[in-house]
Amino acid sequence: MMMKYKQIIFDVDGTLADTEYAVLHSLQDTIKTLTGKETPLEELIFALGITGEDALIKLAFPDVPAALELWIDYLHRYDDTVSIFPGIEEVLQTLSQAGCGFGIATSRIRDEFEQEFRRFPIRRYFDIVVCADDTAEHKPAAAPLLKYMELSGTKRNEILYVGDSRYDRECARHAGVDFALAGWGSHLKDIDAEYRLSTPGELASVAGVR
């Protein structure tokens, strides 16, 4: 079977895993602890899709490393609210059987990613994972996908990046890689994309698997 893409690379938050509640509420808790301020969740949506460090810099915390450590601590308190989106495991199984490889390019740091993600059975599908601490530049720069191509030995036209944010779209564009918008996890419907997906299962036909 001739597949259109050799590798499909996924963002994590809002693409593979429904982490929005955990990310936003833990950030809200962090701000409350460090400043005493109650911040509405809608004012924190900007933090979805960028590194925790970048989000905290935008919030002008004077000690970003300490704030990040606290945020990660709070994040783990919401572990029971995190789940893999319906249909993800099924499409990974289908595409894997057809010979497609998978990877991850996430804005999470390695320790944070592994602590959160290793408990999910789909972790076994991903041999190559590029985290925020693997590159000097982060999304929306091309660096995460360029690093992935270096590690996997793939070319631009052989991979598809699946994400839910403008940062993901821009990362793919800067790297010269096709992009699929994960409509099941995205707040934004106006993001330019080669493919606009409503469900994970649609990835099979995009990859050329029937």
C-alpha atoms as a PDB file:
ATOM      1  CA  MET A   1       0.000   0.000   0.000  1.00  0.00           C
ATOM      2  CA  MET A   2       1.408   3.395  -1.017  1.00  0.00           C
ATOM      3  CA  MET A   3       0.831   5.850   1.818  1.00  0.00           C
ATOM      4  CA  LYS A   4       0.932   9.590   1.323  1.00  0.00           C
ATOM      5  CA  TYR A   5       2.983  10.145   4.497  1.00  0.00           C
ATOM      6  CA  LYS A   6       5.602   7.925   6.095  1.00  0.00           C
ATOM      7  CA  GLN A   7       5.232   9.581   9.480  1.00  0.00           C
ATOM      8  CA  ILE A   8       2.446  11.445  11.233  1.00  0.00           C
ATOM      9  CA  ILE A   9       3.597  13.747  14.031  1.00  0.00           C
ATOM     10  CA  PHE A  10       1.205  14.881  16.732  1.00  0.00           C
ATOM     11  CA  ASP A  11       1.008  17.742  19.143  1.00  0.00           C
ATOM     12  CA  VAL A  12      -0.143  16.491  22.578  1.00  0.00           C
ATOM     13  CA  ASP A  13      -2.345  19.021  24.372  1.00  0.00           C
ATOM     14  CA  GLY A  14      -5.609  19.517  22.506  1.00  0.00           C
ATOM     15  CA  THR A  15      -4.621  16.989  19.838  1.00  0.00           C
ATOM     16  CA  LEU A  16      -3.896  13.596  21.403  1.00  0.00           C
ATOM     17  CA  ALA A  17      -5.004  14.417  24.931  1.00  0.00           C
ATOM     18  CA  ASP A  18      -7.814  16.561  26.291  1.00  0.00           C
ATOM     19  CA  THR A  19      -5.765  18.539  28.811  1.00  0.00           C
ATOM     20  CA  GLU A  20      -7.419  21.948  28.594  1.00  0.00           C
ATOM     21  CA  TYR A  21      -9.184  21.748  31.956  1.00  0.00           C
ATOM     22  CA  ALA A  22      -6.008  20.623  33.734  1.00  0.00           C
ATOM     23  CA  VAL A  23      -3.707  23.165  32.059  1.00  0.00           C
ATOM     24  CA  LEU A  24      -5.948  26.188  32.569  1.00  0.00           C
ATOM     25  CA  HIS A  25      -7.086  25.398  36.102  1.00  0.00           C
ATOM     26  CA  SER A  26      -3.559  24.605  37.281  1.00  0.00           C
ATOM     27  CA  LEU A  27      -2.308  27.866  35.769  1.00  0.00           C
ATOM     28  CA  GLN A  28      -5.163  29.687  37.473  1.00  0.00           C
ATOM     29  CA  ASP A  29      -4.133  28.082  40.782  1.00  0.00           C
ATOM     30  CA  THR A  30      -0.509  29.087  40.206  1.00  0.00           C
ATOM     31  CA  ILE A  31      -1.414  32.716  39.610  1.00  0.00           C
ATOM     32  CA  LYS A  32      -3.674  32.760  42.677  1.00  0.00           C
ATOM     33  CA  THR A  33      -0.917  31.326  44.893  1.00  0.00           C
ATOM     34  CA  LEU A  34       1.814  33.669  43.653  1.00  0.00           C
ATOM     35  CA  THR A  35      -0.174  36.905  43.252  1.00  0.00           C
ATOM     36  CA  GLY A  36      -3.435  36.458  45.136  1.00  0.00           C
ATOM     37  CA  LYS A  37      -5.352  37.310  41.957  1.00  0.00           C
ATOM     38  CA  GLU A  38      -8.321  35.397  40.572  1.00  0.00           C
ATOM     39  CA  THR A  39      -7.819  35.224  36.795  1.00  0.00           C
ATOM     40  CA  PRO A  40     -10.768  34.222  34.562  1.00  0.00           C
ATOM     41  CA  LEU A  41     -10.038  31.081  32.548  1.00  0.00           C
ATOM     42  CA  GLU A  42     -10.815  32.811  29.248  1.00  0.00           C
ATOM     43  CA  GLU A  43      -7.868  35.152  29.871  1.00  0.00           C
ATOM     44  CA  LEU A  44      -5.529  32.175  30.073  1.00  0.00           C
ATOM     45  CA  ILE A  45      -6.432  30.394  26.829  1.00  0.00           C
ATOM     46  CA  PHE A  46      -3.374  32.003  25.193  1.00  0.00           C
ATOM     47  CA  ALA A  47      -1.243  29.553  27.209  1.00  0.00           C
ATOM     48  CA  LEU A  48      -2.551  26.536  25.283  1.00  0.00           C
ATOM     49  CA  GLY A  49      -0.005  25.402  22.702  1.00  0.00           C
ATOM     50  CA  ILE A  50       3.077  27.294  23.887  1.00  0.00           C
ATOM     51  CA  THR A  51       5.713  26.271  26.410  1.00  0.00           C
ATOM     52  CA  GLY A  52       4.940  26.792  30.069  1.00  0.00           C
ATOM     53  CA  GLU A  53       7.981  29.029  30.293  1.00  0.00           C
ATOM     54  CA  ASP A  54       6.736  31.253  27.467  1.00  0.00           C
ATOM     55  CA  ALA A  55       3.279  31.470  29.051  1.00  0.00           C
ATOM     56  CA  LEU A  56       4.744  32.540  32.390  1.00  0.00           C
ATOM     57  CA  ILE A  57       6.991  35.101  30.694  1.00  0.00           C
ATOM     58  CA  LYS A  58       3.905  36.585  29.027  1.00  0.00           C
ATOM     59  CA  LEU A  59       2.312  36.781  32.477  1.00  0.00           C
ATOM     60  CA  ALA A  60       5.392  38.709  33.678  1.00  0.00           C
ATOM     61  CA  PHE A  61       6.340  36.463  36.581  1.00  0.00           C
ATOM     62  CA  PRO A  62       9.684  37.650  38.023  1.00  0.00           C
ATOM     63  CA  ASP A  63      10.869  34.118  38.872  1.00  0.00           C
ATOM     64  CA  VAL A  64       9.767  31.963  35.949  1.00  0.00           C
ATOM     65  CA  PRO A  65      11.559  28.724  36.980  1.00  0.00           C
ATOM     66  CA  ALA A  66       9.926  28.779  40.432  1.00  0.00           C
ATOM     67  CA  ALA A  67       6.519  29.565  38.940  1.00  0.00           C
ATOM     68  CA  LEU A  68       6.925  26.747  36.413  1.00  0.00           C
ATOM     69  CA  GLU A  69       7.790  24.263  39.152  1.00  0.00           C
ATOM     70  CA  LEU A  70       4.669  25.278  41.074  1.00  0.00           C
ATOM     71  CA  TRP A  71       2.516  25.083  37.934  1.00  0.00           C
ATOM     72  CA  ILE A  72       3.703  21.541  37.185  1.00  0.00           C
ATOM     73  CA  ASP A  73       2.926  20.549  40.770  1.00  0.00           C
ATOM     74  CA  TYR A  74      -0.588  21.920  40.463  1.00  0.00           C
ATOM     75  CA  LEU A  75      -0.977  20.295  37.027  1.00  0.00           C
ATOM     76  CA  HIS A  76      -0.494  16.813  38.481  1.00  0.00           C
ATOM     77  CA  ARG A  77      -3.347  17.461  40.884  1.00  0.00           C
ATOM     78  CA  TYR A  78      -5.640  17.472  37.853  1.00  0.00           C
ATOM     79  CA  ASP A  79      -4.372  14.192  36.362  1.00  0.00           C
ATOM     80  CA  ASP A  80      -7.774  12.574  36.727  1.00  0.00           C
ATOM     81  CA  THR A  81      -9.306  15.174  34.386  1.00  0.00           C
ATOM     82  CA  VAL A  82      -6.950  14.299  31.494  1.00  0.00           C
ATOM     83  CA  SER A  83      -8.006  11.767  28.852  1.00  0.00           C
ATOM     84  CA  ILE A  84      -7.095  10.680  25.332  1.00  0.00           C
ATOM     85  CA  PHE A  85      -9.575  11.990  22.775  1.00  0.00           C
ATOM     86  CA  PRO A  86     -12.099   9.396  21.517  1.00  0.00           C
ATOM     87  CA  GLY A  87     -10.968   7.782  18.268  1.00  0.00           C
ATOM     88  CA  ILE A  88      -7.234   8.454  18.702  1.00  0.00           C
ATOM     89  CA  GLU A  89      -6.252   4.942  19.759  1.00  0.00           C
ATOM     90  CA  GLU A  90      -8.348   3.353  16.999  1.00  0.00           C
ATOM     91  CA  VAL A  91      -6.819   5.432  14.193  1.00  0.00           C
ATOM     92  CA  LEU A  92      -3.292   4.858  15.522  1.00  0.00           C
ATOM     93  CA  GLN A  93      -3.934   1.126  15.407  1.00  0.00           C
ATOM     94  CA  THR A  94      -5.316   1.331  11.855  1.00  0.00           C
ATOM     95  CA  LEU A  95      -2.441   3.445  10.549  1.00  0.00           C
ATOM     96  CA  SER A  96       0.165   1.364  12.378  1.00  0.00           C
ATOM     97  CA  GLN A  97      -1.118  -1.791  10.724  1.00  0.00           C
ATOM     98  CA  ALA A  98      -0.764  -0.040   7.367  1.00  0.00           C
ATOM     99  CA  GLY A  99       2.891   0.725   8.091  1.00  0.00           C
ATOM    100  CA  CYS A 100       2.677   4.356   9.142  1.00  0.00           C
ATOM    101  CA  GLY A 101       5.078   5.641  11.808  1.00  0.00           C
ATOM    102  CA  PHE A 102       4.212   8.153  14.506  1.00  0.00           C
ATOM    103  CA  GLY A 103       5.949  10.826  16.500  1.00  0.00           C
ATOM    104  CA  ILE A 104       5.286  13.711  18.845  1.00  0.00           C
ATOM    105  CA  ALA A 105       6.390  17.358  18.841  1.00  0.00           C
ATOM    106  CA  THR A 106       5.190  19.036  22.028  1.00  0.00           C
ATOM    107  CA  SER A 107       5.780  22.253  23.925  1.00  0.00           C
ATOM    108  CA  ARG A 108       6.008  20.282  27.176  1.00  0.00           C
ATOM    109  CA  ILE A 109       9.381  19.614  28.758  1.00  0.00           C
ATOM    110  CA  ARG A 110      10.504  15.954  28.777  1.00  0.00           C
ATOM    111  CA  ASP A 111       9.883  15.162  32.451  1.00  0.00           C
ATOM    112  CA  GLU A 112       6.446  16.752  32.392  1.00  0.00           C
ATOM    113  CA  PHE A 113       5.495  14.907  29.207  1.00  0.00           C
ATOM    114  CA  GLU A 114       6.605  11.485  30.434  1.00  0.00           C
ATOM    115  CA  GLN A 115       4.981  11.850  33.843  1.00  0.00           C
ATOM    116  CA  GLU A 116       1.672  12.708  32.237  1.00  0.00           C
ATOM    117  CA  PHE A 117       1.716  10.539  29.132  1.00  0.00           C
ATOM    118  CA  ARG A 118       3.310   7.249  30.113  1.00  0.00           C
ATOM    119  CA  ARG A 119       0.138   6.093  31.873  1.00  0.00           C
ATOM    120  CA  PHE A 120      -1.775   6.031  28.594  1.00  0.00           C
ATOM    121  CA  PRO A 121      -1.586   2.864  26.430  1.00  0.00           C
ATOM    122  CA  ILE A 122      -1.051   4.895  23.237  1.00  0.00           C
ATOM    123  CA  ARG A 123       2.440   5.881  24.475  1.00  0.00           C
ATOM    124  CA  ARG A 124       3.759   2.675  22.883  1.00  0.00           C
ATOM    125  CA  TYR A 125       3.039   3.993  19.379  1.00  0.00           C
ATOM    126  CA  PHE A 126       5.506   6.881  19.640  1.00  0.00           C
ATOM    127  CA  ASP A 127       9.183   6.071  19.235  1.00  0.00           C
ATOM    128  CA  ILE A 128      10.386   9.634  18.625  1.00  0.00           C
ATOM    129  CA  VAL A 129       9.257  12.459  20.902  1.00  0.00           C
ATOM    130  CA  VAL A 130      10.594  16.008  20.562  1.00  0.00           C
ATOM    131  CA  CYS A 131       9.994  18.069  23.713  1.00  0.00           C
ATOM    132  CA  ALA A 132      10.610  21.719  24.534  1.00  0.00           C
ATOM    133  CA  ASP A 133      13.968  20.972  26.129  1.00  0.00           C
ATOM    134  CA  ASP A 134      15.215  19.239  22.962  1.00  0.00           C
ATOM    135  CA  THR A 135      15.464  22.447  20.909  1.00  0.00           C
ATOM    136  CA  ALA A 136      16.661  25.990  21.552  1.00  0.00           C
ATOM    137  CA  GLU A 137      13.674  27.431  19.680  1.00  0.00           C
ATOM    138  CA  HIS A 138      10.069  26.336  20.165  1.00  0.00           C
ATOM    139  CA  LYS A 139       6.793  26.499  18.296  1.00  0.00           C
ATOM    140  CA  PRO A 140       5.905  28.537  16.263  1.00  0.00           C
ATOM    141  CA  ALA A 141       9.525  28.247  15.036  1.00  0.00           C
ATOM    142  CA  ALA A 142      10.362  25.295  12.761  1.00  0.00           C
ATOM    143  CA  ALA A 143      12.917  23.812  15.183  1.00  0.00           C
ATOM    144  CA  PRO A 144      10.772  21.024  16.738  1.00  0.00           C
ATOM    145  CA  LEU A 145       9.829  19.566  13.353  1.00  0.00           C
ATOM    146  CA  LEU A 146      13.317  20.022  11.934  1.00  0.00           C
ATOM    147  CA  LYS A 147      14.657  18.134  14.947  1.00  0.00           C
ATOM    148  CA  TYR A 148      12.096  15.403  14.336  1.00  0.00           C
ATOM    149  CA  MET A 149      13.168  15.070  10.713  1.00  0.00           C
ATOM    150  CA  GLU A 150      16.799  14.836  11.824  1.00  0.00           C
ATOM    151  CA  LEU A 151      16.014  12.081  14.333  1.00  0.00           C
ATOM    152  CA  SER A 152      13.691  10.109  12.041  1.00  0.00           C
ATOM    153  CA  GLY A 153      15.586  10.540   8.780  1.00  0.00           C
ATOM    154  CA  THR A 154      12.447  11.773   7.021  1.00  0.00           C
ATOM    155  CA  LYS A 155      11.976  14.584   4.519  1.00  0.00           C
ATOM    156  CA  ARG A 156       9.481  17.445   4.589  1.00  0.00           C
ATOM    157  CA  ASN A 157       7.142  15.857   2.063  1.00  0.00           C
ATOM    158  CA  GLU A 158       7.081  12.552   3.973  1.00  0.00           C
ATOM    159  CA  ILE A 159       5.524  13.844   7.187  1.00  0.00           C
ATOM    160  CA  LEU A 160       2.251  15.375   8.338  1.00  0.00           C
ATOM    161  CA  TYR A 161       1.931  17.440  11.497  1.00  0.00           C
ATOM    162  CA  VAL A 162      -1.363  17.318  13.393  1.00  0.00           C
ATOM    163  CA  GLY A 163      -2.129  20.092  15.892  1.00  0.00           C
ATOM    164  CA  ASP A 164      -4.822  22.338  17.287  1.00  0.00           C
ATOM    165  CA  SER A 165      -3.274  25.809  17.524  1.00  0.00           C
ATOM    166  CA  ARG A 166      -1.806  28.624  15.454  1.00  0.00           C
ATOM    167  CA  TYR A 167       1.563  27.805  16.987  1.00  0.00           C
ATOM    168  CA  ASP A 168       1.310  24.308  15.479  1.00  0.00           C
ATOM    169  CA  ARG A 169       0.247  25.698  12.099  1.00  0.00           C
ATOM    170  CA  GLU A 170       3.125  28.162  12.007  1.00  0.00           C
ATOM    171  CA  CYS A 171       5.634  25.528  13.110  1.00  0.00           C
ATOM    172  CA  ALA A 172       4.547  23.322  10.194  1.00  0.00           C
ATOM    173  CA  ARG A 173       4.591  26.230   7.742  1.00  0.00           C
ATOM    174  CA  HIS A 174       8.080  27.335   8.772  1.00  0.00           C
ATOM    175  CA  ALA A 175       9.316  23.749   8.435  1.00  0.00           C
ATOM    176  CA  GLY A 176       7.665  23.273   5.040  1.00  0.00           C
ATOM    177  CA  VAL A 177       5.501  20.442   6.344  1.00  0.00           C
ATOM    178  CA  ASP A 178       1.827  19.717   5.606  1.00  0.00           C
ATOM    179  CA  PHE A 179      -0.518  20.504   8.493  1.00  0.00           C
ATOM    180  CA  ALA A 180      -3.796  18.954   9.664  1.00  0.00           C
ATOM    181  CA  LEU A 181      -5.987  20.890  12.093  1.00  0.00           C
ATOM    182  CA  ALA A 182      -7.319  18.706  14.903  1.00  0.00           C
ATOM    183  CA  GLY A 183     -10.837  20.098  14.906  1.00  0.00           C
ATOM    184  CA  TRP A 184     -11.869  17.884  17.821  1.00  0.00           C
ATOM    185  CA  GLY A 185      -9.562  19.826  20.165  1.00  0.00           C
ATOM    186  CA  SER A 186      -9.182  23.250  18.573  1.00  0.00           C
ATOM    187  CA  HIS A 187     -10.914  26.435  19.678  1.00  0.00           C
ATOM    188  CA  LEU A 188     -10.077  28.057  16.356  1.00  0.00           C
ATOM    189  CA  LYS A 189     -11.793  27.339  13.069  1.00  0.00           C
ATOM    190  CA  ASP A 190     -10.008  29.979  10.977  1.00  0.00           C
ATOM    191  CA  ILE A 191      -6.545  28.406  10.995  1.00  0.00           C
ATOM    192  CA  ASP A 192      -5.127  27.739   7.543  1.00  0.00           C
ATOM    193  CA  ALA A 193      -4.431  24.033   7.014  1.00  0.00           C
ATOM    194  CA  GLU A 194      -3.884  21.489   4.262  1.00  0.00           C
ATOM    195  CA  TYR A 195      -6.459  19.320   6.046  1.00  0.00           C
ATOM    196  CA  ARG A 196      -9.247  20.252   8.438  1.00  0.00           C
ATOM    197  CA  LEU A 197     -10.287  17.215  10.452  1.00  0.00           C
ATOM    198  CA  SER A 198     -13.478  16.797  12.452  1.00  0.00           C
ATOM    199  CA  THR A 199     -12.562  13.424  13.966  1.00  0.00           C
ATOM    200  CA  PRO A 200      -9.302  11.493  14.450  1.00  0.00           C
ATOM    201  CA  GLY A 201     -10.612   8.739  12.175  1.00  0.00           C
ATOM    202  CA  GLU A 202     -10.354  11.078   9.167  1.00  0.00           C
ATOM    203  CA  LEU A 203      -6.564  10.784   9.404  1.00  0.00           C
ATOM    204  CA  ALA A 204      -6.784   7.345   7.796  1.00  0.00           C
ATOM    205  CA  SER A 205      -8.127   8.679   4.514  1.00  0.00           C
ATOM    206  CA  VAL A 206      -5.713  11.644   4.614  1.00  0.00           C
ATOM    207  CA  ALA A 207      -2.829   9.162   4.866  1.00  0.00           C
ATOM    208  CA  GLY A 208      -4.239   7.103   1.994  1.00  0.00           C
ATOM    209  CA  VAL A 209      -5.550   4.188   4.088  1.00  0.00           C
ATOM    210  CA  ARG A 210      -9.064   2.996   3.346  1.00  0.00           C
END
